[in-house]
């Protein structure tokens, strides 16, 4: 029974983390930069 509770806790933590990332717009990230996602660039734009 303890293994099942640990798996459920891990799944809840992972699900919450994924949901929070999606809420903020930081979904799938690319290796080029943290702000590069499959939806486009996330974050403030720097002035030129």
N, C-alpha and C. Protein backbone atom coordinates (compact mmCIF):
# COMPACT_ATOMS: atom_id res chain seq x y z
N UNK A 1 0.82 -1.20 0.00
CA UNK A 1 0.00 0.00 0.00
C UNK A 1 0.86 1.26 0.00
N UNK A 2 2.02 1.23 0.64
CA UNK A 2 2.88 2.40 0.70
C UNK A 2 3.43 2.77 -0.68
N UNK A 3 3.70 1.76 -1.51
CA UNK A 3 4.21 2.03 -2.85
C UNK A 3 3.17 2.75 -3.68
N UNK A 4 1.93 2.35 -3.52
CA UNK A 4 0.84 2.98 -4.28
C UNK A 4 0.68 4.45 -3.86
N UNK A 5 0.76 4.71 -2.57
CA UNK A 5 0.64 6.09 -2.09
C UNK A 5 1.79 6.95 -2.60
N UNK A 6 2.99 6.38 -2.63
CA UNK A 6 4.15 7.12 -3.14
C UNK A 6 4.00 7.41 -4.63
N UNK A 7 3.49 6.46 -5.40
CA UNK A 7 3.26 6.68 -6.82
C UNK A 7 2.21 7.75 -7.05
N UNK A 8 1.14 7.73 -6.28
CA UNK A 8 0.09 8.74 -6.41
C UNK A 8 0.61 10.12 -6.04
N UNK A 9 1.42 10.20 -5.00
CA UNK A 9 2.00 11.48 -4.60
C UNK A 9 2.92 12.01 -5.70
N UNK A 10 3.75 11.15 -6.24
CA UNK A 10 4.65 11.55 -7.33
C UNK A 10 3.88 12.01 -8.56
N UNK A 11 2.80 11.30 -8.89
CA UNK A 11 1.98 11.69 -10.04
C UNK A 11 1.30 13.03 -9.79
N UNK A 12 0.84 13.28 -8.57
CA UNK A 12 0.20 14.55 -8.24
C UNK A 12 1.19 15.71 -8.32
N UNK A 13 2.40 15.50 -7.82
CA UNK A 13 3.42 16.55 -7.88
C UNK A 13 3.80 16.84 -9.32
N UNK A 14 4.01 15.80 -10.10
CA UNK A 14 4.37 15.99 -11.51
C UNK A 14 3.24 16.67 -12.28
N UNK A 15 2.01 16.24 -12.03
CA UNK A 15 0.86 16.86 -12.70
C UNK A 15 0.72 18.33 -12.34
N UNK A 16 0.93 18.65 -11.07
CA UNK A 16 0.87 20.04 -10.65
C UNK A 16 1.95 20.88 -11.29
N UNK A 17 3.15 20.33 -11.40
CA UNK A 17 4.26 21.04 -12.02
C UNK A 17 3.98 21.31 -13.49
N UNK A 18 3.48 20.31 -14.19
CA UNK A 18 3.16 20.47 -15.61
C UNK A 18 2.04 21.50 -15.78
N UNK A 19 1.01 21.42 -14.94
CA UNK A 19 -0.10 22.37 -15.02
C UNK A 19 0.35 23.79 -14.76
N UNK A 20 1.23 23.98 -13.78
CA UNK A 20 1.72 25.32 -13.46
C UNK A 20 2.56 25.87 -14.61
N UNK A 21 3.41 25.03 -15.21
CA UNK A 21 4.20 25.46 -16.37
C UNK A 21 3.29 25.89 -17.51
N UNK A 22 2.26 25.12 -17.77
CA UNK A 22 1.34 25.46 -18.86
C UNK A 22 0.58 26.74 -18.57
N UNK A 23 0.22 26.94 -17.31
CA UNK A 23 -0.50 28.15 -16.92
C UNK A 23 0.36 29.40 -17.19
N UNK A 24 1.66 29.30 -16.95
CA UNK A 24 2.56 30.43 -17.17
C UNK A 24 3.05 30.53 -18.61
N UNK A 25 2.77 29.51 -19.42
CA UNK A 25 3.18 29.54 -20.82
C UNK A 25 4.54 28.93 -21.09
N UNK A 26 5.15 28.30 -20.09
CA UNK A 26 6.46 27.67 -20.27
C UNK A 26 6.27 26.17 -20.50
N UNK A 27 5.81 25.79 -21.67
CA UNK A 27 5.55 24.37 -21.90
C UNK A 27 6.82 23.65 -22.32
N UNK A 28 6.88 23.12 -23.49
CA UNK A 28 8.06 22.37 -23.94
C UNK A 28 9.18 23.35 -24.26
N UNK A 29 10.34 23.11 -23.67
CA UNK A 29 11.46 24.03 -23.84
C UNK A 29 12.49 23.46 -24.82
N UNK A 30 13.15 24.36 -25.53
CA UNK A 30 14.23 23.97 -26.42
C UNK A 30 15.57 24.20 -25.74
N UNK A 31 16.60 23.57 -26.24
CA UNK A 31 17.94 23.67 -25.64
C UNK A 31 18.59 25.03 -25.88
N UNK A 32 18.07 25.82 -26.81
CA UNK A 32 18.70 27.11 -27.14
C UNK A 32 18.60 28.10 -25.99
N UNK A 33 17.45 28.15 -25.32
CA UNK A 33 17.26 29.06 -24.18
C UNK A 33 16.03 28.62 -23.41
N UNK A 34 15.96 28.99 -22.13
CA UNK A 34 14.82 28.60 -21.30
C UNK A 34 13.52 29.18 -21.83
N UNK A 35 13.57 30.37 -22.40
CA UNK A 35 12.37 31.04 -22.89
C UNK A 35 11.91 30.58 -24.26
N UNK A 36 12.69 29.74 -24.94
CA UNK A 36 12.29 29.21 -26.25
C UNK A 36 11.41 27.99 -26.05
N UNK A 37 10.13 28.12 -26.38
CA UNK A 37 9.19 27.01 -26.25
C UNK A 37 8.61 26.67 -27.61
N UNK A 38 7.85 25.59 -27.67
CA UNK A 38 7.23 25.20 -28.93
C UNK A 38 6.15 26.19 -29.34
N UNK A 39 5.74 27.08 -28.44
CA UNK A 39 4.73 28.09 -28.76
C UNK A 39 5.37 29.41 -29.19
N UNK A 40 6.68 29.52 -29.06
CA UNK A 40 7.38 30.76 -29.40
C UNK A 40 8.21 31.23 -28.23
N UNK A 41 8.74 32.43 -28.33
CA UNK A 41 9.61 33.01 -27.30
C UNK A 41 8.75 33.53 -26.15
N UNK A 42 9.13 33.21 -24.93
CA UNK A 42 8.42 33.64 -23.73
C UNK A 42 9.32 34.59 -22.95
N UNK A 43 8.73 35.63 -22.41
CA UNK A 43 9.49 36.57 -21.60
C UNK A 43 9.49 37.96 -22.20
N UNK A 44 10.07 38.89 -21.47
CA UNK A 44 10.10 40.27 -21.95
C UNK A 44 11.12 40.42 -23.07
N UNK A 45 10.80 41.31 -23.98
CA UNK A 45 11.72 41.58 -25.09
C UNK A 45 12.68 42.67 -24.66
N UNK A 46 13.94 42.52 -25.00
CA UNK A 46 14.95 43.53 -24.66
C UNK A 46 14.91 44.66 -25.67
N UNK A 47 15.14 45.86 -25.19
CA UNK A 47 15.19 47.03 -26.07
C UNK A 47 16.48 47.00 -26.89
N UNK A 48 16.37 47.38 -28.15
CA UNK A 48 17.55 47.36 -29.03
C UNK A 48 18.40 48.59 -28.86
